[in-house]
Amino acid sequence: MGLTDFITDVWETFSHPSPDAEAPPQGGSSTDTPASGTDEESGEEAQANKEDTKSEEDSGEQGHKPSDDGDEEEEEEEEEEELVDPKETLEKECETSKQCSPAKHHYDECVERVTGQIENDGKASEDCVEEFFHLAHCATQCAAPKLFAALK
């Protein structure tokens, strides 16, 4: 098949629409009521919604009240403390450890230099990305064995 045959086939496919594409829907569809998933509501639904809002206003209740069993579960969930990621804790400890002290020292010096440049000139001629990544790598390497030992 050559390029011209391909282009011709594509042209014929898209230039002459299929007769099935424009056929009206057949059977089962009703135009009297909206299809499911639409935002329109029928007269019966509108009346029921109005009655619901009136009864809610009169009774002072809003929404569904859970049974007594649900109250106990909610109290247990509220009592749970938010979990702390052990990886973050271990990495912070490793950053200040003897193993990562050279990387931490270089990073701190760089931060001081850059901060001084910003205060004096209003902008910095360098950033501390490389030093930060060295420190992060050291902390990750230090924390990994401790983390996996704790997870087993």
C-alpha atoms as a PDB file:
ATOM      1  CA  MET A   1       0.000   0.000   0.000  1.00  0.00           C
ATOM      2  CA  GLY A   2       1.473   3.266  -1.054  1.00  0.00           C
ATOM      3  CA  LEU A   3       1.243   6.668   0.508  1.00  0.00           C
ATOM      4  CA  THR A   4      -1.344   7.857  -1.991  1.00  0.00           C
ATOM      5  CA  ASP A   5      -3.546   4.810  -1.318  1.00  0.00           C
ATOM      6  CA  PHE A   6      -3.349   5.517   2.409  1.00  0.00           C
ATOM      7  CA  ILE A   7      -4.271   9.184   1.979  1.00  0.00           C
ATOM      8  CA  THR A   8      -7.141   8.240  -0.336  1.00  0.00           C
ATOM      9  CA  ASP A   9      -8.508   5.734   2.189  1.00  0.00           C
ATOM     10  CA  VAL A  10      -8.300   8.284   4.997  1.00  0.00           C
ATOM     11  CA  TRP A  11     -10.023  10.909   2.856  1.00  0.00           C
ATOM     12  CA  GLU A  12     -12.860   8.532   1.946  1.00  0.00           C
ATOM     13  CA  THR A  13     -13.324   7.481   5.554  1.00  0.00           C
ATOM     14  CA  PHE A  14     -13.680  10.988   6.898  1.00  0.00           C
ATOM     15  CA  SER A  15     -15.323  12.758   3.960  1.00  0.00           C
ATOM     16  CA  HIS A  16     -18.332  10.406   3.750  1.00  0.00           C
ATOM     17  CA  PRO A  17     -19.871   9.880   7.180  1.00  0.00           C
ATOM     18  CA  SER A  18     -21.283   6.524   7.985  1.00  0.00           C
ATOM     19  CA  PRO A  19     -25.094   6.304   7.735  1.00  0.00           C
ATOM     20  CA  ASP A  20     -25.126   4.739  11.225  1.00  0.00           C
ATOM     21  CA  ALA A  21     -23.479   7.794  12.764  1.00  0.00           C
ATOM     22  CA  GLU A  22     -26.478  10.059  12.204  1.00  0.00           C
ATOM     23  CA  ALA A  23     -29.249   7.538  12.852  1.00  0.00           C
ATOM     24  CA  PRO A  24     -31.697   8.587  15.584  1.00  0.00           C
ATOM     25  CA  PRO A  25     -31.701   6.480  18.753  1.00  0.00           C
ATOM     26  CA  GLN A  26     -34.057   3.557  18.564  1.00  0.00           C
ATOM     27  CA  GLY A  27     -36.105   1.875  21.271  1.00  0.00           C
ATOM     28  CA  GLY A  28     -35.932   2.218  25.022  1.00  0.00           C
ATOM     29  CA  SER A  29     -35.219   5.916  25.194  1.00  0.00           C
ATOM     30  CA  SER A  30     -37.817   8.288  26.515  1.00  0.00           C
ATOM     31  CA  THR A  31     -37.948  11.979  25.863  1.00  0.00           C
ATOM     32  CA  ASP A  32     -40.541  12.606  28.600  1.00  0.00           C
ATOM     33  CA  THR A  33     -38.137  12.241  31.540  1.00  0.00           C
ATOM     34  CA  PRO A  34     -34.485  13.171  31.714  1.00  0.00           C
ATOM     35  CA  ALA A  35     -31.880  10.481  31.310  1.00  0.00           C
ATOM     36  CA  SER A  36     -30.009   9.284  34.347  1.00  0.00           C
ATOM     37  CA  GLY A  37     -27.034  11.421  35.205  1.00  0.00           C
ATOM     38  CA  THR A  38     -28.623  14.708  34.221  1.00  0.00           C
ATOM     39  CA  ASP A  39     -29.055  17.654  36.536  1.00  0.00           C
ATOM     40  CA  GLU A  40     -32.703  18.097  35.638  1.00  0.00           C
ATOM     41  CA  GLU A  41     -35.311  16.960  38.130  1.00  0.00           C
ATOM     42  CA  SER A  42     -38.862  15.929  37.453  1.00  0.00           C
ATOM     43  CA  GLY A  43     -41.842  17.608  39.090  1.00  0.00           C
ATOM     44  CA  GLU A  44     -42.177  14.708  41.542  1.00  0.00           C
ATOM     45  CA  GLU A  45     -38.508  14.991  42.541  1.00  0.00           C
ATOM     46  CA  ALA A  46     -38.798  18.759  42.981  1.00  0.00           C
ATOM     47  CA  GLN A  47     -41.836  18.337  45.238  1.00  0.00           C
ATOM     48  CA  ALA A  48     -40.098  15.639  47.313  1.00  0.00           C
ATOM     49  CA  ASN A  49     -36.993  17.830  47.696  1.00  0.00           C
ATOM     50  CA  LYS A  50     -39.117  20.779  48.855  1.00  0.00           C
ATOM     51  CA  GLU A  51     -40.828  18.596  51.442  1.00  0.00           C
ATOM     52  CA  ASP A  52     -37.471  17.311  52.675  1.00  0.00           C
ATOM     53  CA  THR A  53     -36.075  20.806  53.159  1.00  0.00           C
ATOM     54  CA  LYS A  54     -39.218  21.894  55.026  1.00  0.00           C
ATOM     55  CA  SER A  55     -39.055  18.898  57.379  1.00  0.00           C
ATOM     56  CA  GLU A  56     -35.340  19.487  58.034  1.00  0.00           C
ATOM     57  CA  GLU A  57     -35.967  23.132  58.898  1.00  0.00           C
ATOM     58  CA  ASP A  58     -38.855  22.251  61.197  1.00  0.00           C
ATOM     59  CA  SER A  59     -37.041  19.496  63.077  1.00  0.00           C
ATOM     60  CA  GLY A  60     -33.701  21.304  63.243  1.00  0.00           C
ATOM     61  CA  GLU A  61     -31.916  18.152  62.078  1.00  0.00           C
ATOM     62  CA  GLN A  62     -29.551  18.050  59.184  1.00  0.00           C
ATOM     63  CA  GLY A  63     -28.346  14.982  57.385  1.00  0.00           C
ATOM     64  CA  HIS A  64     -28.286  11.386  58.524  1.00  0.00           C
ATOM     65  CA  LYS A  65     -27.709  10.544  62.167  1.00  0.00           C
ATOM     66  CA  PRO A  66     -25.553   7.423  62.576  1.00  0.00           C
ATOM     67  CA  SER A  67     -26.549   4.695  64.979  1.00  0.00           C
ATOM     68  CA  ASP A  68     -24.906   4.227  68.391  1.00  0.00           C
ATOM     69  CA  ASP A  69     -22.412   1.722  66.923  1.00  0.00           C
ATOM     70  CA  GLY A  70     -20.964   4.444  64.654  1.00  0.00           C
ATOM     71  CA  ASP A  71     -20.283   6.752  67.627  1.00  0.00           C
ATOM     72  CA  GLU A  72     -17.914   4.227  69.199  1.00  0.00           C
ATOM     73  CA  GLU A  73     -15.950   3.846  65.963  1.00  0.00           C
ATOM     74  CA  GLU A  74     -15.609   7.624  65.570  1.00  0.00           C
ATOM     75  CA  GLU A  75     -14.289   7.969  69.130  1.00  0.00           C
ATOM     76  CA  GLU A  76     -11.658   5.282  68.486  1.00  0.00           C
ATOM     77  CA  GLU A  77     -10.534   7.005  65.280  1.00  0.00           C
ATOM     78  CA  GLU A  78     -10.255  10.362  67.039  1.00  0.00           C
ATOM     79  CA  GLU A  79      -8.140   8.850  69.821  1.00  0.00           C
ATOM     80  CA  GLU A  80      -5.552   7.521  67.349  1.00  0.00           C
ATOM     81  CA  GLU A  81      -2.490   9.711  67.138  1.00  0.00           C
ATOM     82  CA  GLU A  82      -1.087  10.711  63.789  1.00  0.00           C
ATOM     83  CA  LEU A  83       1.687   8.342  62.816  1.00  0.00           C
ATOM     84  CA  VAL A  84       5.193   9.694  62.361  1.00  0.00           C
ATOM     85  CA  ASP A  85       7.244   8.457  59.428  1.00  0.00           C
ATOM     86  CA  PRO A  86      10.270   6.655  60.916  1.00  0.00           C
ATOM     87  CA  LYS A  87      12.306   7.413  57.767  1.00  0.00           C
ATOM     88  CA  GLU A  88      12.154  11.160  58.379  1.00  0.00           C
ATOM     89  CA  THR A  89      13.104  10.728  62.030  1.00  0.00           C
ATOM     90  CA  LEU A  90      16.044   8.470  61.208  1.00  0.00           C
ATOM     91  CA  GLU A  91      17.303  10.797  58.452  1.00  0.00           C
ATOM     92  CA  LYS A  92      17.234  13.813  60.787  1.00  0.00           C
ATOM     93  CA  GLU A  93      19.245  11.859  63.350  1.00  0.00           C
ATOM     94  CA  CYS A  94      21.720  10.798  60.660  1.00  0.00           C
ATOM     95  CA  GLU A  95      22.179  14.380  59.400  1.00  0.00           C
ATOM     96  CA  THR A  96      23.617  15.336  62.769  1.00  0.00           C
ATOM     97  CA  SER A  97      25.580  12.113  63.235  1.00  0.00           C
ATOM     98  CA  LYS A  98      29.364  11.798  62.974  1.00  0.00           C
ATOM     99  CA  GLN A  99      29.002   9.907  59.693  1.00  0.00           C
ATOM    100  CA  CYS A 100      27.341  12.869  57.898  1.00  0.00           C
ATOM    101  CA  SER A 101      29.104  15.697  59.723  1.00  0.00           C
ATOM    102  CA  PRO A 102      31.410  16.591  56.760  1.00  0.00           C
ATOM    103  CA  ALA A 103      28.453  16.913  54.381  1.00  0.00           C
ATOM    104  CA  LYS A 104      26.491  18.892  56.974  1.00  0.00           C
ATOM    105  CA  HIS A 105      29.471  21.197  57.519  1.00  0.00           C
ATOM    106  CA  HIS A 106      29.819  21.932  53.777  1.00  0.00           C
ATOM    107  CA  TYR A 107      26.073  22.559  53.473  1.00  0.00           C
ATOM    108  CA  ASP A 108      26.013  24.927  56.467  1.00  0.00           C
ATOM    109  CA  GLU A 109      29.006  26.884  55.110  1.00  0.00           C
ATOM    110  CA  CYS A 110      27.309  27.221  51.736  1.00  0.00           C
ATOM    111  CA  VAL A 111      24.076  28.432  53.323  1.00  0.00           C
ATOM    112  CA  GLU A 112      26.015  31.093  55.246  1.00  0.00           C
ATOM    113  CA  ARG A 113      27.815  32.241  52.062  1.00  0.00           C
ATOM    114  CA  VAL A 114      24.604  32.443  50.039  1.00  0.00           C
ATOM    115  CA  THR A 115      22.731  34.225  52.831  1.00  0.00           C
ATOM    116  CA  GLY A 116      25.548  36.770  53.085  1.00  0.00           C
ATOM    117  CA  GLN A 117      25.511  37.349  49.327  1.00  0.00           C
ATOM    118  CA  ILE A 118      21.760  37.941  49.358  1.00  0.00           C
ATOM    119  CA  GLU A 119      22.019  40.404  52.238  1.00  0.00           C
ATOM    120  CA  ASN A 120      24.901  42.339  50.612  1.00  0.00           C
ATOM    121  CA  ASP A 121      24.087  42.225  46.894  1.00  0.00           C
ATOM    122  CA  GLY A 122      20.387  41.392  46.892  1.00  0.00           C
ATOM    123  CA  LYS A 123      21.077  38.227  44.919  1.00  0.00           C
ATOM    124  CA  ALA A 124      23.274  35.152  45.167  1.00  0.00           C
ATOM    125  CA  SER A 125      25.810  34.026  42.601  1.00  0.00           C
ATOM    126  CA  GLU A 126      25.490  30.386  43.658  1.00  0.00           C
ATOM    127  CA  ASP A 127      23.104  27.975  45.291  1.00  0.00           C
ATOM    128  CA  CYS A 128      23.571  25.059  47.661  1.00  0.00           C
ATOM    129  CA  VAL A 129      21.794  22.374  45.682  1.00  0.00           C
ATOM    130  CA  GLU A 130      24.868  20.192  45.266  1.00  0.00           C
ATOM    131  CA  GLU A 131      25.722  20.378  48.975  1.00  0.00           C
ATOM    132  CA  PHE A 132      22.109  19.658  49.887  1.00  0.00           C
ATOM    133  CA  PHE A 133      22.042  16.540  47.727  1.00  0.00           C
ATOM    134  CA  HIS A 134      25.310  15.318  49.230  1.00  0.00           C
ATOM    135  CA  LEU A 135      23.833  15.730  52.712  1.00  0.00           C
ATOM    136  CA  ALA A 136      20.539  14.077  51.730  1.00  0.00           C
ATOM    137  CA  HIS A 137      22.381  11.163  50.141  1.00  0.00           C
ATOM    138  CA  CYS A 138      24.514  10.677  53.245  1.00  0.00           C
ATOM    139  CA  ALA A 139      21.461  10.795  55.517  1.00  0.00           C
ATOM    140  CA  THR A 140      19.575   8.316  53.332  1.00  0.00           C
ATOM    141  CA  GLN A 141      22.521   5.901  53.221  1.00  0.00           C
ATOM    142  CA  CYS A 142      22.873   6.131  56.996  1.00  0.00           C
ATOM    143  CA  ALA A 143      19.148   5.691  57.723  1.00  0.00           C
ATOM    144  CA  ALA A 144      18.404   2.866  55.275  1.00  0.00           C
ATOM    145  CA  PRO A 145      19.802  -0.067  57.306  1.00  0.00           C
ATOM    146  CA  LYS A 146      18.166   1.218  60.481  1.00  0.00           C
ATOM    147  CA  LEU A 147      14.859   1.705  58.717  1.00  0.00           C
ATOM    148  CA  PHE A 148      14.768  -1.750  57.166  1.00  0.00           C
ATOM    149  CA  ALA A 149      15.761  -3.340  60.463  1.00  0.00           C
ATOM    150  CA  ALA A 150      12.821  -1.584  62.112  1.00  0.00           C
ATOM    151  CA  LEU A 151      10.381  -2.672  59.377  1.00  0.00           C
ATOM    152  CA  LYS A 152      11.210  -6.383  59.579  1.00  0.00           C
END
